[in-house]
């Protein structure tokens, strides 16, 4: 009867194993491990899990990553590629040196989110794997995978060591002496080596308890502890740009008999900075508020002295300054590349242009302007890759005061004015957060004068058009 019970148990175990093998296996992608000697660990992980999962070829993963512009191991990139190739689980690994100590780190990631679910860490004596580390890795990565996929009930089924081997060893001693005449406690004394190496049978009355295993080597594994996610690139704390600028201006009146201004291109300097104090909230509300920040822009062209057509020998100092600041909101509409982003801004600004007077105090060109305005803008930003993006922006200026040109006595009198601006650019990340790029801009202020609103303006004109154009070579840093 006992032999019959053992045969029944063996058949049940083999049936369970066959059922598990026949069932649907999770799809697994083992990405190329990085670091010296990491290939050995990668091979061991594939060998250990190939019977428990359907392994996705690395070439398939690489083609999908190239197609989706998702080459990194960030959670977003891994989730995008895993969805494309149908991977339920993704494993990454790296061997790196932290000070004087080498370490192997293996991460099990959820294919749906790309997030780390389990992480195994092993200190190494050098870049090559030691035998104790390989043994520990083989066991723990299998256990972690079972826990990850909810297959704990299959953890005891080991295809390479089927239960029949254990039963054969444990039933040898009864052949020398009947089991009924010898208590179970004497079995370890007859063949301790065999009992210590064999796995326990399903009959608890006949199999003695295994001796306690010696403590494992000093290998620290952090299984089940998810590693903190790194803040994604689309949620920076600040974006700083500075660089040389080129700009020009033209001013025309209606009627054309009034003085006008035209110029070539002059050099200058431009700077722009945006701070995002809510960047750390990128995990909440879909990251919508992580792109809400405060920004400021300064543009200072260096104009040479102006001259008049009547007397080219006379020189008149010329100055221009543009300063803006306010709220800026960059909303990520879709996080994977091409990662379209809606750009919104609201704030205020000052744009002034002044030419010094002649010795009599009269203007030698158009009257000075100093536009004080409230500005609203909207635009889009599209990524070609993680390291390259194109953006465009449209701004509308509600001019509150056009400055000296609207003086009711010395100039043209009260004026209604508004402004528009179109700008765009292309940026590249060249090293970590360092970027280079180029930006172009066209800005136009329209003025409509009302001579009847003033008692007696010194000058008469119906309207004026003040236009600015130029560009900036951008050098900056994003963190």
Protein backbone atom coordinates (compact mmCIF):
# COMPACT_ATOMS: atom_id res chain seq x y z
CA UNK A 1 0.00 0.00 0.00
CA UNK A 2 2.83 2.35 0.81
CA UNK A 3 4.45 1.77 -2.58
CA UNK A 4 1.07 2.44 -4.23
CA UNK A 5 0.74 5.72 -2.31
CA UNK A 6 4.18 6.79 -3.48
CA UNK A 7 3.34 6.01 -7.10
CA UNK A 8 0.08 7.98 -6.85
CA UNK A 9 1.91 10.97 -5.38
CA UNK A 10 4.53 10.81 -8.12
CA UNK A 11 1.90 10.67 -10.87
CA UNK A 12 0.07 13.65 -9.33
CA UNK A 13 3.25 15.71 -9.20
CA UNK A 14 4.15 14.91 -12.80
CA UNK A 15 0.61 15.72 -13.92
CA UNK A 16 0.79 19.11 -12.18
CA UNK A 17 4.14 19.78 -13.86
CA UNK A 18 2.76 18.83 -17.25
CA UNK A 19 -0.29 21.01 -16.71
CA UNK A 20 1.87 23.98 -15.78
CA UNK A 21 4.05 23.45 -18.86
CA UNK A 22 1.00 23.20 -21.09
CA UNK A 23 -0.64 26.32 -19.72
CA UNK A 24 -0.04 29.85 -20.93
CA UNK A 25 3.39 31.10 -19.97
CA UNK A 26 4.09 34.76 -19.25
CA UNK A 27 6.14 36.56 -21.88
CA UNK A 28 9.57 37.64 -20.64
CA UNK A 29 12.10 40.05 -22.12
CA UNK A 30 15.61 39.90 -20.66
CA UNK A 31 17.35 43.06 -21.84
CA UNK A 32 21.10 43.15 -22.37
CA UNK A 33 22.86 43.45 -19.02
CA UNK A 34 25.33 46.33 -18.81
CA UNK A 35 28.76 46.38 -17.20
CA UNK A 36 31.87 44.20 -17.19
CA UNK A 37 31.15 40.50 -16.79
CA UNK A 38 27.39 41.09 -16.83
CA UNK A 39 26.82 38.74 -19.77
CA UNK A 40 27.32 35.70 -17.53
CA UNK A 41 24.56 36.85 -15.18
CA UNK A 42 22.27 37.55 -18.15
CA UNK A 43 22.79 34.02 -19.50
CA UNK A 44 22.07 32.49 -16.09
CA UNK A 45 18.81 34.43 -15.80
CA UNK A 46 17.67 33.28 -19.26
CA UNK A 47 18.59 29.64 -18.52
CA UNK A 48 16.78 29.75 -15.19
CA UNK A 49 13.53 31.25 -16.50
CA UNK A 50 13.24 29.85 -20.03
CA UNK A 51 11.08 26.94 -18.79
CA UNK A 52 8.77 29.26 -16.89
CA UNK A 53 8.27 31.93 -19.55
CA UNK A 54 8.23 32.59 -23.26
CA UNK A 55 11.47 34.47 -23.94
CA UNK A 56 11.17 37.40 -26.36
CA UNK A 57 14.29 37.63 -28.58
CA UNK A 58 16.49 40.63 -27.95
CA UNK A 59 16.43 41.53 -31.65
CA UNK A 60 12.64 41.86 -31.47
CA UNK A 61 12.93 44.21 -28.51
CA UNK A 62 15.62 46.33 -30.21
CA UNK A 63 13.59 46.73 -33.40
CA UNK A 64 10.55 47.86 -31.41
CA UNK A 65 12.65 50.27 -29.33
CA UNK A 66 14.10 51.82 -32.47
CA UNK A 67 10.68 52.13 -34.06
CA UNK A 68 9.21 53.84 -30.95
CA UNK A 69 12.27 56.01 -30.26
CA UNK A 70 12.47 54.41 -26.81
CA UNK A 71 16.12 53.37 -26.34
CA UNK A 72 16.44 54.01 -22.61
CA UNK A 73 15.55 51.88 -19.57
CA UNK A 74 13.15 54.51 -18.17
CA UNK A 75 9.74 53.28 -17.02
CA UNK A 76 8.01 55.06 -19.91
CA UNK A 77 10.28 53.62 -22.60
CA UNK A 78 10.12 50.07 -21.21
CA UNK A 79 6.32 50.22 -20.94
CA UNK A 80 6.02 51.42 -24.56
CA UNK A 81 8.27 48.70 -25.99
CA UNK A 82 6.80 45.97 -23.75
CA UNK A 83 3.32 46.85 -24.99
CA UNK A 84 4.52 46.63 -28.59
CA UNK A 85 6.23 43.22 -28.25
CA UNK A 86 3.75 41.78 -25.72
CA UNK A 87 6.13 41.37 -22.76
CA UNK A 88 4.49 40.78 -19.36
CA UNK A 89 7.78 40.93 -17.46
CA UNK A 90 11.02 42.76 -18.30
CA UNK A 91 14.34 42.08 -16.57
CA UNK A 92 17.29 44.48 -16.65
CA UNK A 93 20.68 44.15 -15.01
CA UNK A 94 23.92 46.02 -14.49
CA UNK A 95 27.33 45.38 -12.96
CA UNK A 96 28.85 48.57 -11.64
CA UNK A 97 31.49 49.74 -9.24
CA UNK A 98 30.50 51.83 -6.25
CA UNK A 99 33.72 53.13 -4.79
CA UNK A 100 35.87 50.08 -4.10
CA UNK A 101 33.00 47.58 -4.26
CA UNK A 102 31.52 45.87 -7.30
CA UNK A 103 27.81 45.15 -7.34
CA UNK A 104 25.37 43.21 -9.53
CA UNK A 105 21.86 44.68 -9.60
CA UNK A 106 18.93 42.93 -11.31
CA UNK A 107 15.48 44.51 -11.65
CA UNK A 108 12.19 42.76 -12.44
CA UNK A 109 9.81 45.24 -14.08
CA UNK A 110 6.11 45.19 -14.81
CA UNK A 111 5.60 45.19 -18.57
CA UNK A 112 2.44 47.32 -18.32
CA UNK A 113 4.00 50.21 -16.40
CA UNK A 114 7.74 49.67 -16.76
CA UNK A 115 8.06 50.13 -13.01
CA UNK A 116 10.45 48.07 -10.87
CA UNK A 117 8.60 45.45 -8.84
CA UNK A 118 11.54 43.45 -7.41
CA UNK A 119 15.24 44.20 -7.22
CA UNK A 120 18.08 41.80 -6.41
CA UNK A 121 21.48 43.11 -5.40
CA UNK A 122 24.69 41.15 -4.94
CA UNK A 123 28.08 42.51 -3.83
CA UNK A 124 30.95 41.09 -5.91
CA UNK A 125 34.65 40.64 -5.31
CA UNK A 126 35.30 41.70 -8.89
CA UNK A 127 33.51 42.13 -12.22
CA UNK A 128 33.30 38.34 -12.69
CA UNK A 129 30.56 36.28 -11.05
CA UNK A 130 31.55 34.04 -8.13
CA UNK A 131 30.02 30.58 -7.82
CA UNK A 132 28.13 31.44 -4.63
CA UNK A 133 26.61 34.50 -6.29
CA UNK A 134 25.54 32.45 -9.31
CA UNK A 135 23.88 29.87 -7.06
CA UNK A 136 22.10 32.54 -5.07
CA UNK A 137 21.08 34.40 -8.24
CA UNK A 138 19.65 31.26 -9.85
CA UNK A 139 17.47 30.54 -6.82
CA UNK A 140 16.34 34.07 -6.03
CA UNK A 141 15.54 35.18 -9.57
CA UNK A 142 13.37 32.06 -9.93
CA UNK A 143 11.57 32.78 -6.65
CA UNK A 144 11.15 36.44 -7.51
CA UNK A 145 9.73 35.57 -10.94
CA UNK A 146 7.26 33.11 -9.40
CA UNK A 147 6.16 35.70 -6.86
CA UNK A 148 5.88 38.33 -9.58
CA UNK A 149 3.70 36.22 -11.88
CA UNK A 150 1.62 34.72 -9.07
CA UNK A 151 3.07 31.20 -9.59
CA UNK A 152 4.06 30.45 -6.01
CA UNK A 153 2.17 27.15 -6.18
CA UNK A 154 4.65 25.89 -8.79
CA UNK A 155 7.76 26.85 -6.85
CA UNK A 156 8.34 23.30 -5.59
CA UNK A 157 8.12 21.70 -9.03
CA UNK A 158 11.68 21.44 -10.36
CA UNK A 159 11.85 19.79 -13.81
CA UNK A 160 15.56 19.08 -13.50
CA UNK A 161 15.10 17.23 -10.17
CA UNK A 162 11.81 15.29 -10.44
CA UNK A 163 10.37 13.70 -7.30
CA UNK A 164 11.20 10.19 -8.57
CA UNK A 165 14.89 10.74 -7.81
CA UNK A 166 14.10 11.60 -4.23
CA UNK A 167 11.76 8.63 -3.82
CA UNK A 168 14.35 6.21 -5.18
CA UNK A 169 16.95 7.26 -2.66
CA UNK A 170 14.62 7.18 0.28
CA UNK A 171 13.28 3.71 -0.53
CA UNK A 172 16.69 2.07 -0.77
CA UNK A 173 17.20 1.51 2.98
CA UNK A 174 13.93 -0.50 3.41
CA UNK A 175 15.28 -3.03 0.88
CA UNK A 176 17.91 -4.09 3.44
CA UNK A 177 15.55 -4.12 6.36
CA UNK A 178 11.72 -3.89 6.51
CA UNK A 179 10.46 -0.47 7.34
CA UNK A 180 8.04 -1.79 9.93
CA UNK A 181 10.86 -3.26 12.06
CA UNK A 182 12.97 -0.08 12.04
CA UNK A 183 11.80 3.25 13.42
CA UNK A 184 12.16 6.27 11.11
CA UNK A 185 14.66 7.92 13.46
CA UNK A 186 17.37 5.36 12.49
CA UNK A 187 17.31 6.15 8.75
CA UNK A 188 19.70 9.13 8.92
CA UNK A 189 22.23 6.91 10.73
CA UNK A 190 22.28 4.36 7.86
CA UNK A 191 22.83 6.73 4.91
CA UNK A 192 23.09 10.31 6.11
CA UNK A 193 24.65 11.54 2.86
CA UNK A 194 21.74 10.31 0.77
CA UNK A 195 19.07 11.68 3.09
CA UNK A 196 20.75 15.05 3.33
CA UNK A 197 20.85 15.43 -0.44
CA UNK A 198 17.42 14.01 -1.22
CA UNK A 199 14.22 16.04 -1.27
CA UNK A 200 11.43 15.04 1.16
CA UNK A 201 8.76 12.67 -0.09
CA UNK A 202 5.05 13.20 0.20
CA UNK A 203 4.88 10.67 3.07
CA UNK A 204 5.73 12.65 6.22
CA UNK A 205 5.63 9.50 8.39
CA UNK A 206 8.49 7.79 6.54
CA UNK A 207 10.74 10.75 5.58
CA UNK A 208 12.78 12.19 8.43
CA UNK A 209 13.13 15.99 8.65
CA UNK A 210 16.08 17.40 6.73
CA UNK A 211 18.89 18.85 8.79
CA UNK A 212 19.09 22.60 9.01
CA UNK A 213 20.94 24.09 6.09
CA UNK A 214 24.05 26.11 6.83
CA UNK A 215 23.61 29.88 6.53
CA UNK A 216 23.99 31.13 2.95
CA UNK A 217 26.98 33.22 1.88
CA UNK A 218 26.90 36.87 2.79
CA UNK A 219 24.96 38.08 -0.23
CA UNK A 220 22.48 40.86 0.33
CA UNK A 221 19.34 40.60 -1.76
CA UNK A 222 16.49 43.06 -1.59
CA UNK A 223 13.62 41.09 -3.05
CA UNK A 224 10.17 42.66 -3.20
CA UNK A 225 11.42 46.15 -2.53
CA UNK A 226 10.66 48.45 -5.45
CA UNK A 227 13.38 50.88 -6.28
CA UNK A 228 12.43 54.54 -6.30
CA UNK A 229 11.63 55.81 -9.77
CA UNK A 230 13.79 58.48 -11.28
CA UNK A 231 12.08 61.73 -12.21
CA UNK A 232 11.41 61.62 -15.97
CA UNK A 233 13.03 64.07 -18.35
CA UNK A 234 9.68 65.70 -19.18
CA UNK A 235 9.41 67.01 -15.60
CA UNK A 236 12.50 69.22 -15.06
CA UNK A 237 13.07 71.52 -12.10
CA UNK A 238 14.39 74.30 -14.30
CA UNK A 239 15.21 75.15 -17.91
CA UNK A 240 17.93 77.75 -18.50
CA UNK A 241 19.02 79.21 -21.85
CA UNK A 242 21.43 81.97 -22.78
CA UNK A 243 23.12 82.95 -26.01
CA UNK A 244 23.95 85.57 -28.64
CA UNK A 245 21.09 87.17 -30.54
CA UNK A 246 20.62 88.89 -33.89
CA UNK A 247 17.79 91.39 -34.36
CA UNK A 248 16.45 94.21 -36.52
CA UNK A 249 13.64 96.77 -36.60
CA UNK A 250 11.47 98.75 -38.97
CA UNK A 251 8.90 101.48 -38.20
CA UNK A 252 6.49 102.98 -40.75
CA UNK A 253 3.76 105.63 -40.42
CA UNK A 254 0.59 106.38 -42.31
CA UNK A 255 0.93 108.88 -43.92
CA UNK A 256 4.44 108.06 -45.12
CA UNK A 257 5.54 111.68 -44.75
CA UNK A 258 6.31 111.01 -41.07
CA UNK A 259 9.82 109.87 -40.06
CA UNK A 260 10.45 106.16 -40.38
CA UNK A 261 13.14 103.77 -39.18
CA UNK A 262 14.84 100.83 -40.87
CA UNK A 263 17.96 98.88 -39.98
CA UNK A 264 20.13 95.94 -40.74
CA UNK A 265 20.97 93.18 -38.24
CA UNK A 266 22.60 93.97 -34.91
CA UNK A 267 24.06 91.64 -32.31
CA UNK A 268 22.87 91.27 -28.76
CA UNK A 269 22.40 88.82 -25.92
CA UNK A 270 19.32 86.94 -24.75
CA UNK A 271 18.57 84.88 -21.65
CA UNK A 272 15.58 82.81 -20.59
CA UNK A 273 14.91 80.83 -17.42
CA UNK A 274 11.91 78.85 -16.21
CA UNK A 275 11.57 77.31 -12.74
CA UNK A 276 9.16 74.43 -12.10
CA UNK A 277 8.59 74.21 -8.32
CA UNK A 278 5.97 71.45 -8.73
CA UNK A 279 8.17 69.12 -10.77
CA UNK A 280 8.17 66.57 -7.93
CA UNK A 281 4.41 66.04 -8.44
CA UNK A 282 5.00 64.24 -11.76
CA UNK A 283 3.50 61.03 -10.29
CA UNK A 284 0.24 62.72 -9.31
CA UNK A 285 -2.64 63.90 -11.51
CA UNK A 286 -0.89 62.44 -14.53
CA UNK A 287 1.95 64.91 -14.06
CA UNK A 288 -0.28 67.78 -15.23
CA UNK A 289 1.02 70.26 -12.65
CA UNK A 290 4.68 69.28 -12.81
CA UNK A 291 5.07 71.62 -15.82
CA UNK A 292 3.57 74.67 -14.10
CA UNK A 293 6.31 77.23 -13.49
CA UNK A 294 7.55 80.81 -13.43
CA UNK A 295 9.72 82.21 -16.18
CA UNK A 296 11.52 85.34 -17.28
CA UNK A 297 13.13 86.51 -20.54
CA UNK A 298 15.61 89.32 -21.20
CA UNK A 299 16.80 90.45 -24.64
CA UNK A 300 19.33 93.27 -24.99
CA UNK A 301 20.43 94.20 -28.54
CA UNK A 302 23.56 96.38 -28.82
CA UNK A 303 22.61 99.06 -31.31
CA UNK A 304 25.21 101.30 -32.94
CA UNK A 305 24.51 105.05 -33.09
CA UNK A 306 21.78 106.08 -35.52
CA UNK A 307 22.23 108.76 -38.19
CA UNK A 308 19.76 110.94 -40.09
CA UNK A 309 19.57 111.31 -43.86
CA UNK A 310 19.71 115.10 -43.53
CA UNK A 311 23.08 115.06 -41.74
CA UNK A 312 24.85 111.65 -41.73
CA UNK A 313 27.73 113.08 -39.71
CA UNK A 314 25.58 113.38 -36.60
CA UNK A 315 25.36 110.34 -34.30
CA UNK A 316 22.45 109.57 -32.02
CA UNK A 317 22.60 106.94 -29.28
CA UNK A 318 20.09 104.08 -29.80
CA UNK A 319 18.85 101.66 -27.15
CA UNK A 320 16.47 98.72 -27.07
CA UNK A 321 15.40 96.42 -24.23
CA UNK A 322 12.80 93.67 -23.92
CA UNK A 323 11.89 92.10 -20.55
CA UNK A 324 9.07 89.62 -19.87
CA UNK A 325 7.96 87.40 -17.02
CA UNK A 326 5.03 85.39 -15.74
CA UNK A 327 3.40 81.98 -15.51
CA UNK A 328 4.38 79.21 -17.92
CA UNK A 329 2.65 75.88 -18.17
CA UNK A 330 3.91 72.92 -20.17
CA UNK A 331 1.27 70.16 -20.25
CA UNK A 332 2.36 66.72 -21.48
CA UNK A 333 -0.48 65.32 -23.58
CA UNK A 334 1.14 61.95 -24.33
CA UNK A 335 4.27 60.83 -22.49
CA UNK A 336 5.91 58.44 -25.00
CA UNK A 337 7.84 59.98 -27.89
CA UNK A 338 6.86 62.08 -29.88
CA UNK A 339 5.50 63.40 -26.57
CA UNK A 340 3.31 66.33 -27.73
CA UNK A 341 3.16 69.11 -25.15
CA UNK A 342 0.77 72.05 -24.93
CA UNK A 343 2.56 75.31 -24.07
CA UNK A 344 0.61 78.05 -22.27
CA UNK A 345 1.85 81.31 -20.80
CA UNK A 346 0.46 84.48 -19.24
CA UNK A 347 2.42 87.43 -17.91
CA UNK A 348 3.60 90.94 -18.52
CA UNK A 349 6.36 92.68 -20.41
CA UNK A 350 8.17 95.84 -21.39
CA UNK A 351 9.66 96.53 -24.83
CA UNK A 352 11.34 99.89 -25.29
CA UNK A 353 13.19 101.52 -28.18
CA UNK A 354 14.66 105.01 -27.88
CA UNK A 355 16.83 107.32 -30.02
CA UNK A 356 18.46 110.37 -28.46
CA UNK A 357 17.24 113.86 -29.53
CA UNK A 358 19.07 116.40 -31.65
CA UNK A 359 20.56 119.55 -30.02
CA UNK A 360 17.20 121.32 -30.26
CA UNK A 361 15.40 118.47 -28.44
CA UNK A 362 13.56 117.27 -31.55
CA UNK A 363 13.20 113.68 -32.73
CA UNK A 364 15.53 112.54 -35.52
CA UNK A 365 13.36 109.50 -36.27
CA UNK A 366 10.14 107.94 -34.99
CA UNK A 367 9.17 108.94 -31.49
CA UNK A 368 10.42 106.74 -28.66
CA UNK A 369 8.27 103.80 -27.64
CA UNK A 370 8.01 101.89 -24.39
CA UNK A 371 5.30 99.27 -24.73
CA UNK A 372 3.95 98.03 -21.41
CA UNK A 373 1.72 95.04 -22.05
CA UNK A 374 0.02 91.94 -20.73
CA UNK A 375 0.77 88.92 -22.88
CA UNK A 376 -0.96 85.58 -23.44
CA UNK A 377 0.53 82.74 -25.45
CA UNK A 378 -0.09 79.20 -26.64
CA UNK A 379 1.98 76.73 -28.58
CA UNK A 380 3.10 73.14 -29.10
CA UNK A 381 6.29 71.15 -28.58
CA UNK A 382 7.02 67.86 -30.35
CA UNK A 383 9.92 65.46 -29.68
CA UNK A 384 11.71 63.70 -32.53
CA UNK A 385 13.55 61.71 -29.85
CA UNK A 386 14.36 62.06 -26.15
CA UNK A 387 17.22 64.37 -27.12
CA UNK A 388 15.61 66.50 -29.86
CA UNK A 389 12.45 68.60 -29.98
CA UNK A 390 10.75 71.28 -32.09
CA UNK A 391 8.50 73.99 -30.67
CA UNK A 392 6.37 76.92 -31.85
CA UNK A 393 4.55 79.67 -29.95
CA UNK A 394 2.06 82.46 -30.69
CA UNK A 395 1.73 85.43 -28.30
CA UNK A 396 -0.83 88.22 -28.16
CA UNK A 397 0.03 91.48 -26.36
CA UNK A 398 -2.63 93.69 -24.81
CA UNK A 399 -0.76 97.01 -24.77
CA UNK A 400 -1.58 99.10 -21.72
CA UNK A 401 0.69 102.02 -22.60
CA UNK A 402 2.73 102.53 -25.80
CA UNK A 403 5.03 105.04 -24.09
CA UNK A 404 6.27 108.52 -25.19
CA UNK A 405 4.90 108.21 -28.74
CA UNK A 406 1.38 108.71 -27.33
CA UNK A 407 2.22 111.95 -25.53
CA UNK A 408 -0.82 114.24 -26.07
CA UNK A 409 1.29 117.41 -26.42
CA UNK A 410 4.81 116.57 -27.68
CA UNK A 411 3.96 113.60 -29.95
CA UNK A 412 0.96 111.99 -31.71
CA UNK A 413 -1.52 111.88 -28.86
CA UNK A 414 -3.47 108.94 -27.43
CA UNK A 415 -3.22 105.67 -29.36
CA UNK A 416 -4.83 102.28 -29.35
CA UNK A 417 -2.23 99.56 -29.62
CA UNK A 418 -1.82 95.79 -29.60
CA UNK A 419 0.96 93.39 -30.46
CA UNK A 420 1.49 89.87 -31.79
CA UNK A 421 4.54 87.66 -31.84
CA UNK A 422 5.38 84.35 -33.54
CA UNK A 423 8.41 82.36 -32.48
CA UNK A 424 9.77 78.85 -32.71
CA UNK A 425 12.91 76.82 -32.28
CA UNK A 426 14.75 73.52 -32.39
CA UNK A 427 16.72 72.15 -29.41
CA UNK A 428 19.09 69.22 -28.92
CA UNK A 429 20.39 67.60 -25.74
CA UNK A 430 24.11 67.04 -26.40
CA UNK A 431 25.29 65.70 -23.03
CA UNK A 432 23.07 64.81 -20.09
CA UNK A 433 21.13 68.05 -19.41
CA UNK A 434 23.22 70.34 -21.62
CA UNK A 435 21.42 71.59 -24.72
CA UNK A 436 22.04 73.68 -27.83
CA UNK A 437 19.54 75.07 -30.29
CA UNK A 438 18.25 77.93 -32.37
CA UNK A 439 15.22 80.20 -32.04
CA UNK A 440 13.56 82.63 -34.46
CA UNK A 441 11.12 85.46 -33.70
CA UNK A 442 8.88 88.03 -35.44
CA UNK A 443 7.01 90.68 -33.38
CA UNK A 444 4.68 93.46 -34.53
CA UNK A 445 3.02 96.35 -32.67
CA UNK A 446 0.17 98.22 -34.35
CA UNK A 447 -0.77 101.75 -33.27
CA UNK A 448 -3.90 103.73 -34.22
CA UNK A 449 -3.81 107.41 -33.27
CA UNK A 450 -6.83 109.56 -32.38
CA UNK A 451 -5.89 113.22 -32.89
CA UNK A 452 -9.31 114.40 -31.69
CA UNK A 453 -8.69 112.92 -28.24
CA UNK A 454 -5.99 115.51 -27.50
CA UNK A 455 -6.24 119.27 -27.41
CA UNK A 456 -3.46 119.95 -29.91
CA UNK A 457 -0.92 117.14 -30.56
CA UNK A 458 2.37 118.34 -32.01
CA UNK A 459 2.36 115.66 -34.75
CA UNK A 460 -0.42 114.17 -36.84
CA UNK A 461 -0.57 110.55 -38.10
CA UNK A 462 -3.28 107.99 -38.63
CA UNK A 463 -1.38 104.85 -37.62
CA UNK A 464 2.02 103.25 -37.22
CA UNK A 465 3.49 99.77 -37.53
CA UNK A 466 6.49 98.83 -35.38
CA UNK A 467 8.15 95.51 -36.38
CA UNK A 468 10.96 93.47 -34.83
CA UNK A 469 12.62 90.30 -36.07
CA UNK A 470 15.61 88.18 -35.14
CA UNK A 471 16.93 84.97 -33.67
CA UNK A 472 18.98 83.46 -30.84
CA UNK A 473 21.65 80.78 -30.73
CA UNK A 474 20.71 78.81 -27.61
CA UNK A 475 23.09 77.24 -25.11
CA UNK A 476 21.47 75.96 -21.94
CA UNK A 477 20.89 73.33 -19.28
CA UNK A 478 17.81 71.35 -18.26
CA UNK A 479 17.59 69.60 -14.88
